[in-house]
Amino acid sequence: MELHKDIKLYVKDSLDLELDEKFRMIYFDPPFNSDRDYRLNCDSDLGFSDIWSGTNYEEFIKKNVDKLYDLLEKDGTLFFHISSSCMFIPEKILRDKFNFVEPIFWKKCRSKNNVKYKLGSVIDIIWKCNKIKKPKFNLILQEKDANYVKNSFNNKDAVGNYSLGHLVTEKTRRGYMYDVTVNGINFNPKSGWRIKKEELEKLIENDQIHVPTKKGANLYRKIYLHENPGKPCTDLWDDIHSISQGNEDRKYPTAKPLKLIQRLILISTDPGDKVYDPMCGSGTTGEACLITQRKCVLNEINEEAVQVIKSRFQ
């Protein structure tokens, strides 16, 4: 069924769904093999069972991964979402199938105050899986930590507030060896410089160098706050909280935050690209695609979730 001109929904077993198109990104958030049942509320039937026996779970994951591999474009990305405590079986299957598999660590919550006999689980793993070494990839920025901004950008000149960027190579390495003179002071660090002499001279010419007042201190590059809206995204995501600790309404027992799916989409696709979610739950991936102007195919086996999914597009 069509939820929007760019968003389609199928309601069936993902292994039985035949699609004649390929996708730039696939987000796969299957049951985790957590040995429990999930319900939206104590008085709700909306949810699913995540209890498996024998090798059923491994066979289930392998069949789905095999199918999704064929639906993925050569330069596309499959994101496989799993809890850190249940990561072994999926990782083994993914590494057998894909040439390049790397983890993204999502710190979904701050703490677990209700555990007494084990370590609190605050990490999910999102396996980033690719067929080729250089798939489609967009560098995105994470917001700077407020304390970092407050404590680091406390220098100021006519241009604005700035922090200090290292120019001298760390003591355990050896950099470019040369000396420069700034304001009549000669600088010639024993471990060398991180950049070539002509690059440093250009920074000096453009007044992008912080000259220390303390004798024996190093030169630094000026990094202006207004020129750095964020930090390049790393493989540790601790700036997006789970729905239970955020301000988003929970529409499905295991729903993931909209912001999380948006980031995955922005990293791996361009506007107009096709995205597939074979087990879409409440349809978060579809809404994220609508916001980011991507085309999306959703599938969900649970018919009780259809009205919830539709509500995102009404």
Protein backbone atom coordinates (compact mmCIF):
# COMPACT_ATOMS: atom_id res chain seq x y z
CA MET A 1 0.00 0.00 0.00
CA GLU A 2 1.11 3.57 -0.64
CA LEU A 3 1.54 5.72 2.49
CA HIS A 4 3.01 8.65 0.57
CA LYS A 5 4.15 9.07 -3.02
CA ASP A 6 7.66 7.98 -1.95
CA ILE A 7 6.75 5.58 0.88
CA LYS A 8 5.35 2.07 0.31
CA LEU A 9 4.29 -0.50 2.90
CA TYR A 10 4.00 -4.28 2.55
CA VAL A 11 2.50 -6.53 5.22
CA LYS A 12 3.98 -10.02 5.07
CA ASP A 13 6.93 -12.18 6.08
CA SER A 14 10.07 -10.44 4.83
CA LEU A 15 11.37 -13.72 3.41
CA ASP A 16 8.27 -14.03 1.23
CA LEU A 17 8.40 -10.47 -0.10
CA GLU A 18 9.75 -10.32 -3.66
CA LEU A 19 11.14 -6.92 -4.67
CA ASP A 20 12.55 -6.15 -8.13
CA GLU A 21 14.61 -3.15 -7.05
CA LYS A 22 17.83 -2.50 -5.16
CA PHE A 23 18.45 -0.12 -2.29
CA ARG A 24 21.23 2.27 -1.32
CA MET A 25 20.55 1.60 2.35
CA ILE A 26 18.82 -1.16 4.31
CA TYR A 27 18.05 -0.86 8.01
CA PHE A 28 17.54 -4.27 9.60
CA ASP A 29 16.29 -4.31 13.19
CA PRO A 30 15.23 -7.93 13.77
CA PRO A 31 14.30 -9.65 17.03
CA PHE A 32 17.40 -9.82 19.25
CA ASN A 33 17.05 -13.39 20.58
CA SER A 34 16.51 -11.88 24.02
CA ASP A 35 14.34 -14.75 25.32
CA ARG A 36 11.38 -12.57 26.26
CA ASP A 37 8.07 -11.25 24.94
CA TYR A 38 7.53 -7.58 24.13
CA ARG A 39 4.31 -5.60 24.46
CA LEU A 40 3.74 -1.87 24.05
CA ASN A 41 1.89 -1.67 27.38
CA CYS A 42 0.79 -4.12 30.04
CA ASP A 43 -2.76 -4.02 28.64
CA SER A 44 -1.74 -4.04 24.96
CA ASP A 45 -1.46 -6.89 22.44
CA LEU A 46 0.81 -4.87 20.14
CA GLY A 47 4.21 -6.53 20.14
CA PHE A 48 5.99 -9.80 19.40
CA SER A 49 7.68 -12.83 20.90
CA ASP A 50 11.47 -13.00 20.93
CA ILE A 51 11.85 -16.54 22.24
CA TRP A 52 13.75 -18.99 20.04
CA SER A 53 14.85 -22.61 20.34
CA GLY A 54 17.86 -24.53 19.04
CA THR A 55 19.34 -23.12 15.84
CA ASN A 56 16.11 -21.44 14.71
CA TYR A 57 17.38 -17.94 15.39
CA GLU A 58 20.65 -18.41 13.52
CA GLU A 59 18.81 -19.85 10.52
CA PHE A 60 16.32 -16.97 10.62
CA ILE A 61 19.08 -14.35 10.61
CA LYS A 62 21.09 -16.07 7.89
CA LYS A 63 18.14 -16.37 5.51
CA ASN A 64 17.27 -12.70 5.97
CA VAL A 65 20.85 -11.50 5.55
CA ASP A 66 21.23 -13.58 2.36
CA LYS A 67 18.09 -11.98 0.95
CA LEU A 68 19.02 -8.46 2.00
CA TYR A 69 22.50 -8.82 0.51
CA ASP A 70 20.96 -9.36 -2.93
CA LEU A 71 18.72 -6.29 -2.50
CA LEU A 72 21.63 -4.00 -1.61
CA GLU A 73 23.31 -1.85 -4.25
CA LYS A 74 27.04 -2.45 -4.76
CA ASP A 75 27.93 0.80 -2.99
CA GLY A 76 25.09 0.54 -0.48
CA THR A 77 25.08 -0.07 3.26
CA LEU A 78 23.21 -2.57 5.41
CA PHE A 79 22.81 -1.42 9.02
CA PHE A 80 22.11 -4.39 11.31
CA HIS A 81 20.83 -3.34 14.74
CA ILE A 82 21.36 -5.68 17.70
CA SER A 83 21.91 -5.52 21.45
CA SER A 84 25.49 -5.90 22.66
CA SER A 85 24.55 -9.01 24.65
CA CYS A 86 23.16 -10.78 21.56
CA MET A 87 25.72 -9.70 18.96
CA PHE A 88 27.70 -12.92 18.44
CA ILE A 89 25.43 -14.87 16.07
CA PRO A 90 24.67 -11.88 13.80
CA GLU A 91 28.31 -10.82 13.68
CA LYS A 92 29.43 -14.28 12.60
CA ILE A 93 26.83 -14.35 9.80
CA LEU A 94 27.56 -10.81 8.65
CA ARG A 95 31.32 -11.32 8.50
CA ASP A 96 30.84 -14.47 6.44
CA LYS A 97 28.64 -12.57 3.96
CA PHE A 98 30.08 -9.05 3.69
CA ASN A 99 33.61 -7.95 2.85
CA PHE A 100 33.53 -5.02 5.24
CA VAL A 101 31.78 -5.05 8.63
CA GLU A 102 32.35 -2.48 11.35
CA PRO A 103 30.44 -1.64 14.54
CA ILE A 104 28.76 1.57 15.55
CA PHE A 105 28.35 1.72 19.33
CA TRP A 106 25.12 3.41 20.33
CA LYS A 107 25.00 4.40 24.00
CA LYS A 108 21.23 4.39 24.23
CA CYS A 109 20.85 5.44 27.86
CA ARG A 110 22.82 7.02 30.66
CA SER A 111 22.51 4.36 33.36
CA LYS A 112 20.57 1.34 34.60
CA ASN A 113 19.44 1.82 38.18
CA ASN A 114 17.23 -1.28 38.30
CA VAL A 115 19.94 -3.96 37.95
CA LYS A 116 21.37 -5.80 40.94
CA TYR A 117 23.02 -8.97 39.69
CA LYS A 118 24.67 -7.94 36.40
CA LEU A 119 26.21 -4.98 34.62
CA GLY A 120 23.71 -2.48 33.27
CA SER A 121 23.31 -2.81 29.50
CA VAL A 122 23.53 0.64 27.91
CA ILE A 123 25.06 -0.21 24.50
CA ASP A 124 23.46 -1.41 21.25
CA ILE A 125 25.59 -2.41 18.27
CA ILE A 126 24.69 -1.26 14.76
CA TRP A 127 26.77 -3.27 12.32
CA LYS A 128 27.70 -1.23 9.25
CA CYS A 129 28.01 -3.77 6.42
CA ASN A 130 29.37 -3.09 2.93
CA LYS A 131 30.27 -5.03 -0.19
CA ILE A 132 33.09 -2.68 -1.23
CA LYS A 133 35.78 -0.71 0.61
CA LYS A 134 34.49 2.71 -0.42
CA PRO A 135 30.67 2.68 -0.38
CA LYS A 136 28.48 5.75 -0.51
CA PHE A 137 29.40 7.78 2.57
CA ASN A 138 28.53 11.29 3.71
CA LEU A 139 30.49 12.87 6.54
CA ILE A 140 28.10 14.32 9.09
CA LEU A 141 28.73 16.28 12.25
CA GLN A 142 27.81 15.59 15.84
CA GLU A 143 27.06 18.52 18.10
CA LYS A 144 29.91 19.68 20.30
CA ASP A 145 29.66 18.91 23.98
CA ALA A 146 28.51 22.01 25.87
CA ASN A 147 31.28 21.70 28.47
CA TYR A 148 33.85 21.33 25.71
CA VAL A 149 32.65 24.51 24.03
CA LYS A 150 32.62 26.41 27.31
CA ASN A 151 36.11 25.36 28.35
CA SER A 152 37.91 25.19 24.99
CA PHE A 153 36.82 28.27 23.02
CA ASN A 154 37.89 30.76 25.64
CA ASN A 155 40.49 32.62 23.56
CA LYS A 156 39.35 35.60 21.52
CA ASP A 157 40.64 37.93 18.83
CA ALA A 158 39.06 40.32 16.32
CA VAL A 159 37.63 37.38 14.37
CA GLY A 160 35.96 35.61 17.29
CA ASN A 161 36.35 32.96 19.99
CA TYR A 162 38.76 30.17 19.23
CA SER A 163 40.29 27.02 20.70
CA LEU A 164 43.87 25.79 20.28
CA GLY A 165 44.78 23.18 17.68
CA HIS A 166 48.05 21.29 17.96
CA LEU A 167 50.83 22.09 15.49
CA VAL A 168 53.68 20.27 17.24
CA THR A 169 54.00 16.51 16.80
CA GLU A 170 53.51 14.42 19.94
CA LYS A 171 56.74 13.42 21.70
CA THR A 172 56.51 9.73 20.74
CA ARG A 173 56.64 10.56 17.01
CA ARG A 174 58.80 12.60 14.66
CA GLY A 175 57.29 15.29 12.44
CA TYR A 176 58.57 17.79 9.90
CA MET A 177 61.85 19.28 11.12
CA TYR A 178 62.34 23.03 10.63
CA ASP A 179 62.29 26.27 12.59
CA VAL A 180 60.13 29.39 12.23
CA THR A 181 60.25 32.84 13.77
CA VAL A 182 57.08 34.61 14.95
CA ASN A 183 57.11 38.02 16.65
CA GLY A 184 60.91 37.74 17.01
CA ILE A 185 60.67 34.36 18.80
CA ASN A 186 62.18 31.25 17.23
CA PHE A 187 60.24 27.98 17.43
CA ASN A 188 61.95 24.66 16.69
CA PRO A 189 60.26 21.78 18.56
CA LYS A 190 62.35 18.67 19.17
CA SER A 191 59.61 16.32 17.91
CA GLY A 192 58.92 18.43 14.82
CA TRP A 193 55.75 19.90 13.30
CA ARG A 194 52.54 18.22 12.14
CA ILE A 195 52.40 20.23 8.91
CA LYS A 196 54.88 21.33 6.27
CA LYS A 197 56.73 24.65 6.60
CA GLU A 198 54.83 26.34 3.77
CA GLU A 199 51.51 25.43 5.39
CA LEU A 200 52.60 26.87 8.73
CA GLU A 201 53.91 30.05 7.08
CA LYS A 202 50.52 30.49 5.40
CA LEU A 203 48.77 30.26 8.78
CA ILE A 204 51.18 32.82 10.21
CA GLU A 205 50.55 35.16 7.28
CA ASN A 206 46.77 34.91 7.80
CA ASP A 207 47.05 35.52 11.58
CA GLN A 208 45.69 32.03 12.32
CA ILE A 209 48.43 31.23 14.84
CA HIS A 210 48.15 31.57 18.61
CA VAL A 211 51.48 32.84 19.91
CA PRO A 212 52.12 31.91 23.56
CA THR A 213 53.18 34.45 26.16
CA LYS A 214 54.89 31.83 28.31
CA LYS A 215 58.54 31.16 27.48
CA GLY A 216 59.13 27.72 25.97
CA ALA A 217 55.46 27.10 25.10
CA ASN A 218 54.36 25.86 21.67
CA LEU A 219 52.62 27.57 18.79
CA TYR A 220 48.99 26.59 18.18
CA ARG A 221 46.55 26.90 15.33
CA LYS A 222 43.44 29.00 15.96
CA ILE A 223 40.24 26.97 15.58
CA TYR A 224 37.31 29.39 15.48
CA LEU A 225 34.00 28.43 17.03
CA HIS A 226 31.90 29.84 14.15
CA GLU A 227 33.86 27.75 11.63
CA ASN A 228 33.24 24.48 13.49
CA PRO A 229 29.52 23.73 13.91
CA GLY A 230 30.28 20.21 15.13
CA LYS A 231 32.75 17.37 15.33
CA PRO A 232 33.06 14.69 12.61
CA CYS A 233 30.87 11.74 13.53
CA THR A 234 32.67 8.87 15.25
CA ASP A 235 31.69 5.23 15.80
CA LEU A 236 30.53 6.02 19.36
CA TRP A 237 27.10 7.66 19.44
CA ASP A 238 26.37 8.93 22.92
CA ASP A 239 24.36 11.98 21.88
CA ILE A 240 21.11 10.20 20.94
CA HIS A 241 19.06 8.72 23.75
CA SER A 242 16.53 5.92 23.60
CA ILE A 243 12.84 6.76 23.45
CA SER A 244 12.46 5.94 27.14
CA GLN A 245 14.91 8.73 27.99
CA GLY A 246 13.91 11.18 25.26
CA ASN A 247 10.85 13.25 24.36
CA GLU A 248 9.49 11.00 21.60
CA ASP A 249 6.26 8.99 21.96
CA ARG A 250 6.74 5.22 21.92
CA LYS A 251 4.60 3.67 19.18
CA TYR A 252 6.01 0.12 19.26
CA PRO A 253 7.65 -1.91 22.07
CA THR A 254 11.15 -1.86 20.57
CA ALA A 255 10.92 1.37 18.55
CA LYS A 256 14.16 3.25 17.92
CA PRO A 257 14.43 7.06 18.06
CA LEU A 258 13.75 8.98 14.88
CA LYS A 259 17.02 10.90 15.22
CA LEU A 260 19.01 7.64 15.20
CA ILE A 261 17.49 6.44 11.93
CA GLN A 262 17.89 9.88 10.37
CA ARG A 263 21.62 9.81 11.10
CA LEU A 264 22.03 6.39 9.48
CA ILE A 265 20.17 7.64 6.40
CA LEU A 266 22.20 10.84 6.13
CA ILE A 267 25.49 8.95 6.41
CA SER A 268 24.78 6.41 3.69
CA THR A 269 22.42 8.00 1.15
CA ASP A 270 21.61 11.12 -0.87
CA PRO A 271 18.19 12.72 -1.37
CA GLY A 272 16.12 10.59 -3.75
CA ASP A 273 17.94 7.35 -2.88
CA LYS A 274 15.98 4.22 -1.97
CA VAL A 275 15.86 2.82 1.57
CA TYR A 276 14.40 -0.51 2.73
CA ASP A 277 13.30 -1.63 6.20
CA PRO A 278 12.14 -5.28 6.15
CA MET A 279 10.93 -5.32 9.79
CA CYS A 280 9.80 -1.76 10.27
CA GLY A 281 7.81 -2.00 13.52
CA SER A 282 6.02 1.34 13.84
CA GLY A 283 7.53 2.74 10.62
CA THR A 284 10.17 5.06 12.04
CA THR A 285 12.40 4.49 9.01
CA GLY A 286 9.63 5.66 6.70
CA GLU A 287 9.11 8.87 8.63
CA ALA A 288 12.87 9.49 8.68
CA CYS A 289 12.98 9.03 4.91
CA LEU A 290 10.09 11.45 4.44
CA ILE A 291 11.91 14.09 6.48
CA THR A 292 15.22 13.57 4.65
CA GLN A 293 13.62 13.28 1.17
CA ARG A 294 14.49 9.64 0.49
CA LYS A 295 12.28 6.99 -1.08
CA CYS A 296 11.38 4.11 1.18
CA VAL A 297 9.94 0.60 1.14
CA LEU A 298 8.67 -0.70 4.47
CA ASN A 299 7.63 -4.20 5.41
CA GLU A 300 6.06 -5.47 8.63
CA ILE A 301 4.71 -8.94 9.34
CA ASN A 302 2.58 -7.79 12.29
CA GLU A 303 -0.81 -6.63 10.95
CA GLU A 304 -1.59 -4.98 14.29
CA ALA A 305 1.17 -2.46 13.59
CA VAL A 306 -0.34 -1.22 10.31
CA GLN A 307 -2.53 1.49 11.85
CA VAL A 308 0.42 2.72 13.92
CA ILE A 309 2.56 2.94 10.79
CA LYS A 310 -0.16 4.75 8.86
CA SER A 311 -0.53 7.31 11.65
CA ARG A 312 2.98 8.61 10.93
CA PHE A 313 1.88 9.76 7.47
CA GLN A 314 -1.58 11.18 8.16
